Amino acid sequence: MNNKLDKQNILRLDVKDNIINKLNSNNISKLGELCSNSEADLRSYNLNDSEINSIKEELRQIGMILRS
């Protein structure tokens, strides 16, 4: 992963505010922190499949992925 992107804020992602709020409430504020999580991790943070897909698509557009 790109270390420069890892340090960027999740606000860079074009996702709904409620998704950002859920991530922030689980101490995820940087893209690198987000990418160190799996889909299962995100579900445990009360994100639904649609929200997770939005995150994955935004990450894909900048060349990043969630942990497998």
PDB file of N, CA and C in Angstrom:
ATOM      1  N   MET A   1       0.820  -1.190   0.000  1.00  0.00           N
ATOM      2  CA  MET A   1       0.000   0.000   0.000  1.00  0.00           C
ATOM      3  C   MET A   1       0.861   1.249   0.000  1.00  0.00           C
ATOM      4  N   ASN A   2       0.285   2.299  -0.483  1.00  0.00           N
ATOM      5  CA  ASN A   2       0.976   3.577  -0.557  1.00  0.00           C
ATOM      6  C   ASN A   2       0.978   4.242   0.816  1.00  0.00           C
ATOM      7  N   ASN A   3       2.159   4.415   1.386  1.00  0.00           N
ATOM      8  CA  ASN A   3       2.279   4.990   2.718  1.00  0.00           C
ATOM      9  C   ASN A   3       1.674   6.391   2.796  1.00  0.00           C
ATOM     10  N   LYS A   4       1.773   7.140   1.719  1.00  0.00           N
ATOM     11  CA  LYS A   4       1.208   8.486   1.691  1.00  0.00           C
ATOM     12  C   LYS A   4      -0.314   8.432   1.825  1.00  0.00           C
ATOM     13  N   LEU A   5      -0.947   7.497   1.124  1.00  0.00           N
ATOM     14  CA  LEU A   5      -2.394   7.331   1.219  1.00  0.00           C
ATOM     15  C   LEU A   5      -2.798   6.808   2.585  1.00  0.00           C
ATOM     16  N   ASP A   6      -1.999   5.916   3.161  1.00  0.00           N
ATOM     17  CA  ASP A   6      -2.315   5.344   4.471  1.00  0.00           C
ATOM     18  C   ASP A   6      -2.566   6.422   5.516  1.00  0.00           C
ATOM     19  N   LYS A   7      -1.857   7.530   5.406  1.00  0.00           N
ATOM     20  CA  LYS A   7      -1.934   8.586   6.417  1.00  0.00           C
ATOM     21  C   LYS A   7      -3.045   9.597   6.150  1.00  0.00           C
ATOM     22  N   GLN A   8      -3.713   9.464   5.003  1.00  0.00           N
ATOM     23  CA  GLN A   8      -4.771  10.422   4.672  1.00  0.00           C
ATOM     24  C   GLN A   8      -6.051  10.104   5.430  1.00  0.00           C
ATOM     25  N   ASN A   9      -6.818  11.143   5.691  1.00  0.00           N
ATOM     26  CA  ASN A   9      -8.053  11.033   6.453  1.00  0.00           C
ATOM     27  C   ASN A   9      -9.134  10.308   5.661  1.00  0.00           C
ATOM     28  N   ILE A  10      -9.973   9.557   6.361  1.00  0.00           N
ATOM     29  CA  ILE A  10     -11.080   8.850   5.707  1.00  0.00           C
ATOM     30  C   ILE A  10     -12.103   9.822   5.119  1.00  0.00           C
ATOM     31  N   LEU A  11     -12.054  11.078   5.527  1.00  0.00           N
ATOM     32  CA  LEU A  11     -12.968  12.077   4.955  1.00  0.00           C
ATOM     33  C   LEU A  11     -12.738  12.243   3.462  1.00  0.00           C
ATOM     34  N   ARG A  12     -11.596  11.777   2.988  1.00  0.00           N
ATOM     35  CA  ARG A  12     -11.278  11.818   1.558  1.00  0.00           C
ATOM     36  C   ARG A  12     -12.249  10.951   0.752  1.00  0.00           C
ATOM     37  N   LEU A  13     -12.805   9.919   1.400  1.00  0.00           N
ATOM     38  CA  LEU A  13     -13.720   9.013   0.710  1.00  0.00           C
ATOM     39  C   LEU A  13     -15.072   9.677   0.497  1.00  0.00           C
ATOM     40  N   ASP A  14     -15.646   9.457  -0.654  1.00  0.00           N
ATOM     41  CA  ASP A  14     -16.957  10.012  -0.984  1.00  0.00           C
ATOM     42  C   ASP A  14     -18.033   9.013  -0.549  1.00  0.00           C
ATOM     43  N   VAL A  15     -18.222   8.946   0.780  1.00  0.00           N
ATOM     44  CA  VAL A  15     -19.234   8.056   1.358  1.00  0.00           C
ATOM     45  C   VAL A  15     -20.131   8.878   2.273  1.00  0.00           C
ATOM     46  N   LYS A  16     -21.260   8.304   2.638  1.00  0.00           N
ATOM     47  CA  LYS A  16     -22.225   9.017   3.478  1.00  0.00           C
ATOM     48  C   LYS A  16     -21.645   9.309   4.859  1.00  0.00           C
ATOM     49  N   ASP A  17     -22.145  10.393   5.439  1.00  0.00           N
ATOM     50  CA  ASP A  17     -21.667  10.828   6.756  1.00  0.00           C
ATOM     51  C   ASP A  17     -21.847   9.758   7.821  1.00  0.00           C
ATOM     52  N   ASN A  18     -22.938   8.981   7.734  1.00  0.00           N
ATOM     53  CA  ASN A  18     -23.155   7.966   8.768  1.00  0.00           C
ATOM     54  C   ASN A  18     -22.071   6.888   8.732  1.00  0.00           C
ATOM     55  N   ILE A  19     -21.514   6.616   7.556  1.00  0.00           N
ATOM     56  CA  ILE A  19     -20.420   5.652   7.444  1.00  0.00           C
ATOM     57  C   ILE A  19     -19.172   6.223   8.127  1.00  0.00           C
ATOM     58  N   ILE A  20     -18.862   7.473   7.843  1.00  0.00           N
ATOM     59  CA  ILE A  20     -17.716   8.136   8.471  1.00  0.00           C
ATOM     60  C   ILE A  20     -17.886   8.144   9.987  1.00  0.00           C
ATOM     61  N   ASN A  21     -19.097   8.442  10.455  1.00  0.00           N
ATOM     62  CA  ASN A  21     -19.361   8.483  11.896  1.00  0.00           C
ATOM     63  C   ASN A  21     -19.142   7.121  12.545  1.00  0.00           C
ATOM     64  N   LYS A  22     -19.591   6.051  11.884  1.00  0.00           N
ATOM     65  CA  LYS A  22     -19.394   4.703  12.428  1.00  0.00           C
ATOM     66  C   LYS A  22     -17.914   4.357  12.485  1.00  0.00           C
ATOM     67  N   LEU A  23     -17.170   4.728  11.445  1.00  0.00           N
ATOM     68  CA  LEU A  23     -15.735   4.466  11.445  1.00  0.00           C
ATOM     69  C   LEU A  23     -15.044   5.263  12.544  1.00  0.00           C
ATOM     70  N   ASN A  24     -15.376   6.540  12.660  1.00  0.00           N
ATOM     71  CA  ASN A  24     -14.771   7.381  13.694  1.00  0.00           C
ATOM     72  C   ASN A  24     -15.070   6.850  15.090  1.00  0.00           C
ATOM     73  N   SER A  25     -16.282   6.370  15.313  1.00  0.00           N
ATOM     74  CA  SER A  25     -16.640   5.863  16.643  1.00  0.00           C
ATOM     75  C   SER A  25     -15.888   4.579  16.977  1.00  0.00           C
ATOM     76  N   ASN A  26     -15.282   3.956  15.965  1.00  0.00           N
ATOM     77  CA  ASN A  26     -14.459   2.773  16.179  1.00  0.00           C
ATOM     78  C   ASN A  26     -12.970   3.093  16.002  1.00  0.00           C
ATOM     79  N   ASN A  27     -12.636   4.365  16.210  1.00  0.00           N
ATOM     80  CA  ASN A  27     -11.249   4.846  16.190  1.00  0.00           C
ATOM     81  C   ASN A  27     -10.546   4.622  14.858  1.00  0.00           C
ATOM     82  N   ILE A  28     -11.301   4.763  13.773  1.00  0.00           N
ATOM     83  CA  ILE A  28     -10.721   4.684  12.431  1.00  0.00           C
ATOM     84  C   ILE A  28     -10.841   6.060  11.807  1.00  0.00           C
ATOM     85  N   SER A  29      -9.698   6.710  11.623  1.00  0.00           N
ATOM     86  CA  SER A  29      -9.724   8.052  11.040  1.00  0.00           C
ATOM     87  C   SER A  29      -8.808   8.180   9.822  1.00  0.00           C
ATOM     88  N   LYS A  30      -7.924   7.217   9.630  1.00  0.00           N
ATOM     89  CA  LYS A  30      -6.981   7.245   8.509  1.00  0.00           C
ATOM     90  C   LYS A  30      -7.248   6.086   7.564  1.00  0.00           C
ATOM     91  N   LEU A  31      -6.926   6.280   6.298  1.00  0.00           N
ATOM     92  CA  LEU A  31      -7.145   5.234   5.299  1.00  0.00           C
ATOM     93  C   LEU A  31      -6.375   3.958   5.639  1.00  0.00           C
ATOM     94  N   GLY A  32      -5.172   4.091   6.146  1.00  0.00           N
ATOM     95  CA  GLY A  32      -4.380   2.923   6.528  1.00  0.00           C
ATOM     96  C   GLY A  32      -5.048   2.114   7.625  1.00  0.00           C
ATOM     97  N   GLU A  33      -5.655   2.816   8.581  1.00  0.00           N
ATOM     98  CA  GLU A  33      -6.388   2.140   9.655  1.00  0.00           C
ATOM     99  C   GLU A  33      -7.596   1.405   9.084  1.00  0.00           C
ATOM    100  N   LEU A  34      -8.278   2.039   8.166  1.00  0.00           N
ATOM    101  CA  LEU A  34      -9.436   1.416   7.532  1.00  0.00           C
ATOM    102  C   LEU A  34      -9.026   0.163   6.782  1.00  0.00           C
ATOM    103  N   CYS A  35      -7.957   0.247   6.008  1.00  0.00           N
ATOM    104  CA  CYS A  35      -7.524  -0.887   5.187  1.00  0.00           C
ATOM    105  C   CYS A  35      -6.958  -2.042   6.005  1.00  0.00           C
ATOM    106  N   SER A  36      -6.655  -1.802   7.260  1.00  0.00           N
ATOM    107  CA  SER A  36      -6.169  -2.894   8.108  1.00  0.00           C
ATOM    108  C   SER A  36      -7.325  -3.724   8.658  1.00  0.00           C
ATOM    109  N   ASN A  37      -8.551  -3.342   8.300  1.00  0.00           N
ATOM    110  CA  ASN A  37      -9.747  -4.070   8.718  1.00  0.00           C
ATOM    111  C   ASN A  37     -10.277  -4.933   7.575  1.00  0.00           C
ATOM    112  N   SER A  38     -10.948  -6.014   7.940  1.00  0.00           N
ATOM    113  CA  SER A  38     -11.607  -6.878   6.955  1.00  0.00           C
ATOM    114  C   SER A  38     -13.087  -6.506   6.879  1.00  0.00           C
ATOM    115  N   GLU A  39     -13.779  -7.099   5.919  1.00  0.00           N
ATOM    116  CA  GLU A  39     -15.226  -6.883   5.831  1.00  0.00           C
ATOM    117  C   GLU A  39     -15.913  -7.329   7.113  1.00  0.00           C
ATOM    118  N   ALA A  40     -15.461  -8.446   7.681  1.00  0.00           N
ATOM    119  CA  ALA A  40     -16.053  -8.942   8.931  1.00  0.00           C
ATOM    120  C   ALA A  40     -15.855  -7.934  10.063  1.00  0.00           C
ATOM    121  N   ASP A  41     -14.670  -7.323  10.097  1.00  0.00           N
ATOM    122  CA  ASP A  41     -14.413  -6.287  11.103  1.00  0.00           C
ATOM    123  C   ASP A  41     -15.413  -5.146  10.941  1.00  0.00           C
ATOM    124  N   LEU A  42     -15.614  -4.711   9.705  1.00  0.00           N
ATOM    125  CA  LEU A  42     -16.522  -3.593   9.457  1.00  0.00           C
ATOM    126  C   LEU A  42     -17.948  -3.954   9.832  1.00  0.00           C
ATOM    127  N   ARG A  43     -18.356  -5.192   9.591  1.00  0.00           N
ATOM    128  CA  ARG A  43     -19.700  -5.626  10.012  1.00  0.00           C
ATOM    129  C   ARG A  43     -19.830  -5.541  11.533  1.00  0.00           C
ATOM    130  N   SER A  44     -18.758  -5.867  12.234  1.00  0.00           N
ATOM    131  CA  SER A  44     -18.805  -5.809  13.705  1.00  0.00           C
ATOM    132  C   SER A  44     -18.912  -4.366  14.206  1.00  0.00           C
ATOM    133  N   TYR A  45     -18.624  -3.398  13.334  1.00  0.00           N
ATOM    134  CA  TYR A  45     -18.784  -1.981  13.663  1.00  0.00           C
ATOM    135  C   TYR A  45     -20.162  -1.470  13.241  1.00  0.00           C
ATOM    136  N   ASN A  46     -21.077  -2.410  12.943  1.00  0.00           N
ATOM    137  CA  ASN A  46     -22.460  -2.106  12.557  1.00  0.00           C
ATOM    138  C   ASN A  46     -22.584  -1.464  11.178  1.00  0.00           C
ATOM    139  N   LEU A  47     -21.644  -1.748  10.295  1.00  0.00           N
ATOM    140  CA  LEU A  47     -21.769  -1.320   8.904  1.00  0.00           C
ATOM    141  C   LEU A  47     -22.462  -2.439   8.133  1.00  0.00           C
ATOM    142  N   ASN A  48     -23.440  -2.079   7.310  1.00  0.00           N
ATOM    143  CA  ASN A  48     -24.144  -3.102   6.532  1.00  0.00           C
ATOM    144  C   ASN A  48     -23.422  -3.338   5.198  1.00  0.00           C
ATOM    145  N   ASP A  49     -23.884  -4.331   4.456  1.00  0.00           N
ATOM    146  CA  ASP A  49     -23.204  -4.704   3.210  1.00  0.00           C
ATOM    147  C   ASP A  49     -23.158  -3.560   2.204  1.00  0.00           C
ATOM    148  N   SER A  50     -24.224  -2.802   2.121  1.00  0.00           N
ATOM    149  CA  SER A  50     -24.253  -1.669   1.198  1.00  0.00           C
ATOM    150  C   SER A  50     -23.197  -0.627   1.568  1.00  0.00           C
ATOM    151  N   GLU A  51     -23.072  -0.347   2.860  1.00  0.00           N
ATOM    152  CA  GLU A  51     -22.077   0.621   3.326  1.00  0.00           C
ATOM    153  C   GLU A  51     -20.660   0.098   3.073  1.00  0.00           C
ATOM    154  N   ILE A  52     -20.455  -1.191   3.320  1.00  0.00           N
ATOM    155  CA  ILE A  52     -19.142  -1.799   3.087  1.00  0.00           C
ATOM    156  C   ILE A  52     -18.796  -1.749   1.605  1.00  0.00           C
ATOM    157  N   ASN A  53     -19.783  -2.017   0.752  1.00  0.00           N
ATOM    158  CA  ASN A  53     -19.541  -1.945  -0.695  1.00  0.00           C
ATOM    159  C   ASN A  53     -19.179  -0.530  -1.125  1.00  0.00           C
ATOM    160  N   SER A  54     -19.802   0.468  -0.522  1.00  0.00           N
ATOM    161  CA  SER A  54     -19.463   1.867  -0.823  1.00  0.00           C
ATOM    162  C   SER A  54     -18.011   2.153  -0.456  1.00  0.00           C
ATOM    163  N   ILE A  55     -17.600   1.675   0.705  1.00  0.00           N
ATOM    164  CA  ILE A  55     -16.220   1.863   1.151  1.00  0.00           C
ATOM    165  C   ILE A  55     -15.259   1.158   0.194  1.00  0.00           C
ATOM    166  N   LYS A  56     -15.563  -0.089  -0.137  1.00  0.00           N
ATOM    167  CA  LYS A  56     -14.683  -0.865  -1.023  1.00  0.00           C
ATOM    168  C   LYS A  56     -14.538  -0.193  -2.385  1.00  0.00           C
ATOM    169  N   GLU A  57     -15.619   0.343  -2.911  1.00  0.00           N
ATOM    170  CA  GLU A  57     -15.570   1.008  -4.212  1.00  0.00           C
ATOM    171  C   GLU A  57     -14.715   2.271  -4.143  1.00  0.00           C
ATOM    172  N   GLU A  58     -14.888   3.050  -3.107  1.00  0.00           N
ATOM    173  CA  GLU A  58     -14.078   4.264  -2.947  1.00  0.00           C
ATOM    174  C   GLU A  58     -12.596   3.921  -2.793  1.00  0.00           C
ATOM    175  N   LEU A  59     -12.305   2.879  -2.010  1.00  0.00           N
ATOM    176  CA  LEU A  59     -10.911   2.453  -1.851  1.00  0.00           C
ATOM    177  C   LEU A  59     -10.341   1.970  -3.177  1.00  0.00           C
ATOM    178  N   ARG A  60     -11.132   1.213  -3.930  1.00  0.00           N
ATOM    179  CA  ARG A  60     -10.690   0.687  -5.224  1.00  0.00           C
ATOM    180  C   ARG A  60     -10.275   1.823  -6.150  1.00  0.00           C
ATOM    181  N   GLN A  61     -11.040   2.900  -6.125  1.00  0.00           N
ATOM    182  CA  GLN A  61     -10.766   4.030  -7.007  1.00  0.00           C
ATOM    183  C   GLN A  61      -9.433   4.707  -6.716  1.00  0.00           C
ATOM    184  N   ILE A  62      -8.934   4.552  -5.498  1.00  0.00           N
ATOM    185  CA  ILE A  62      -7.636   5.153  -5.157  1.00  0.00           C
ATOM    186  C   ILE A  62      -6.550   4.080  -5.012  1.00  0.00           C
ATOM    187  N   GLY A  63      -6.865   2.857  -5.435  1.00  0.00           N
ATOM    188  CA  GLY A  63      -5.870   1.788  -5.447  1.00  0.00           C
ATOM    189  C   GLY A  63      -5.628   1.121  -4.121  1.00  0.00           C
ATOM    190  N   MET A  64      -6.635   1.130  -3.262  1.00  0.00           N
ATOM    191  CA  MET A  64      -6.496   0.507  -1.945  1.00  0.00           C
ATOM    192  C   MET A  64      -7.562  -0.567  -1.773  1.00  0.00           C
ATOM    193  N   ILE A  65      -7.333  -1.484  -0.832  1.00  0.00           N
ATOM    194  CA  ILE A  65      -8.297  -2.550  -0.545  1.00  0.00           C
ATOM    195  C   ILE A  65      -8.351  -2.798   0.963  1.00  0.00           C
ATOM    196  N   LEU A  66      -9.428  -3.473   1.379  1.00  0.00           N
ATOM    197  CA  LEU A  66      -9.530  -3.918   2.757  1.00  0.00           C
ATOM    198  C   LEU A  66      -8.663  -5.158   2.953  1.00  0.00           C
ATOM    199  N   ARG A  67      -8.353  -5.451   4.190  1.00  0.00           N
ATOM    200  CA  ARG A  67      -7.598  -6.661   4.528  1.00  0.00           C
ATOM    201  C   ARG A  67      -8.446  -7.878   4.185  1.00  0.00           C
ATOM    202  N   SER A  68      -7.828  -8.927   3.685  1.00  0.00           N
ATOM    203  CA  SER A  68      -8.551 -10.150   3.320  1.00  0.00           C
ATOM    204  C   SER A  68      -8.911 -10.959   4.532  1.00  0.00           C
TER     205      SER A  68
END
